[in-house]
Amino acid sequence: MTTPNDPGTAADGDPKPLESKTAVPQTRPGTVDPRLLEVLVCPVTKGPLEYDAEAGELVSRAARLVYPIREGIPIMLPEEARPLAD
């Protein structure tokens, strides 16, 4: 049962959607939140990554590895990366 002081109810007692101050905005399928890209680094070199939007991959030129992005989630495991083609 909810009460008027319950953050999940409006003053009239009707349920209202909860708002999150930390919610990540929805992105289009196959894209990655730009804020996430700002903080990600290569797990091997700890260096910067380049986002290849066309291929849906993150590129580490220093490690010569390409990390896949699956369903909008970067897979930052070296064993999942492929070698960077010349």
Protein backbone atom coordinates (compact mmCIF):
# COMPACT_ATOMS: atom_id res chain seq x y z
CA MET A 1 0.00 0.00 0.00
CA THR A 2 1.28 3.48 -0.82
CA THR A 3 0.93 6.59 1.27
CA PRO A 4 0.84 10.27 0.31
CA ASN A 5 4.44 10.57 1.53
CA ASP A 6 5.55 7.66 -0.65
CA PRO A 7 7.85 9.02 -3.41
CA GLY A 8 6.11 6.67 -5.84
CA THR A 9 2.72 8.38 -5.46
CA ALA A 10 1.37 11.78 -6.37
CA ALA A 11 -0.30 14.03 -3.80
CA ASP A 12 -3.69 12.63 -4.83
CA GLY A 13 -2.48 9.08 -4.18
CA ASP A 14 -2.20 8.09 -7.85
CA PRO A 15 0.96 6.21 -8.79
CA LYS A 16 3.48 8.30 -10.68
CA PRO A 17 6.60 7.23 -12.51
CA LEU A 18 9.77 7.44 -10.47
CA GLU A 19 12.41 9.72 -11.90
CA SER A 20 16.07 8.91 -11.64
CA LYS A 21 18.70 11.63 -11.60
CA THR A 22 21.30 9.14 -12.81
CA ALA A 23 19.29 7.56 -15.60
CA VAL A 24 21.15 7.20 -18.88
CA PRO A 25 19.20 8.60 -21.81
CA GLN A 26 18.06 6.06 -24.35
CA THR A 27 20.21 5.82 -27.46
CA ARG A 28 19.35 4.44 -30.85
CA PRO A 29 20.04 0.74 -31.37
CA GLY A 30 23.64 0.20 -32.35
CA THR A 31 24.86 3.41 -30.71
CA VAL A 32 26.67 4.07 -27.47
CA ASP A 33 26.01 6.85 -24.97
CA PRO A 34 28.61 9.58 -25.65
CA ARG A 35 29.18 10.01 -21.89
CA LEU A 36 30.25 6.38 -21.69
CA LEU A 37 32.68 6.85 -24.57
CA GLU A 38 34.31 9.74 -22.70
CA VAL A 39 35.35 7.52 -19.79
CA LEU A 40 36.22 4.26 -21.54
CA VAL A 41 39.88 3.44 -22.14
CA CYS A 42 41.64 0.46 -23.66
CA PRO A 43 41.97 -2.22 -20.97
CA VAL A 44 45.38 -3.22 -22.35
CA THR A 45 47.12 0.15 -22.73
CA LYS A 46 44.81 2.38 -20.63
CA GLY A 47 44.94 4.71 -23.65
CA PRO A 48 42.17 6.42 -25.59
CA LEU A 49 39.70 4.68 -27.86
CA GLU A 50 38.23 5.86 -31.14
CA TYR A 51 34.56 5.17 -31.82
CA ASP A 52 33.91 3.79 -35.30
CA ALA A 53 30.17 4.41 -35.55
CA GLU A 54 29.88 2.86 -39.01
CA ALA A 55 31.38 -0.45 -37.89
CA GLY A 56 29.99 -0.25 -34.34
CA GLU A 57 33.40 -0.79 -32.76
CA LEU A 58 35.92 0.87 -30.46
CA VAL A 59 39.46 1.08 -31.80
CA SER A 60 42.64 1.12 -29.73
CA ARG A 61 45.43 2.16 -32.08
CA ALA A 62 48.07 1.74 -29.35
CA ALA A 63 47.10 -1.89 -28.70
CA ARG A 64 46.13 -2.45 -32.35
CA LEU A 65 42.85 -3.97 -31.15
CA VAL A 66 39.21 -3.41 -32.09
CA TYR A 67 36.57 -3.97 -29.40
CA PRO A 68 33.03 -4.90 -30.49
CA ILE A 69 29.88 -3.13 -29.37
CA ARG A 70 26.92 -5.47 -28.95
CA GLU A 71 23.42 -4.10 -28.39
CA GLY A 72 24.92 -0.76 -27.38
CA ILE A 73 27.30 -2.31 -24.84
CA PRO A 74 31.06 -2.08 -25.46
CA ILE A 75 32.71 -5.45 -24.87
CA MET A 76 35.99 -4.41 -23.28
CA LEU A 77 37.59 -7.84 -22.97
CA PRO A 78 40.91 -8.28 -24.81
CA GLU A 79 39.96 -11.86 -25.68
CA GLU A 80 36.83 -10.55 -27.45
CA ALA A 81 38.77 -7.94 -29.45
CA ARG A 82 40.02 -8.53 -32.95
CA PRO A 83 43.37 -7.36 -34.32
CA LEU A 84 43.32 -3.99 -36.05
CA ALA A 85 43.79 -4.43 -39.80
CA ASP A 86 46.53 -2.37 -41.44
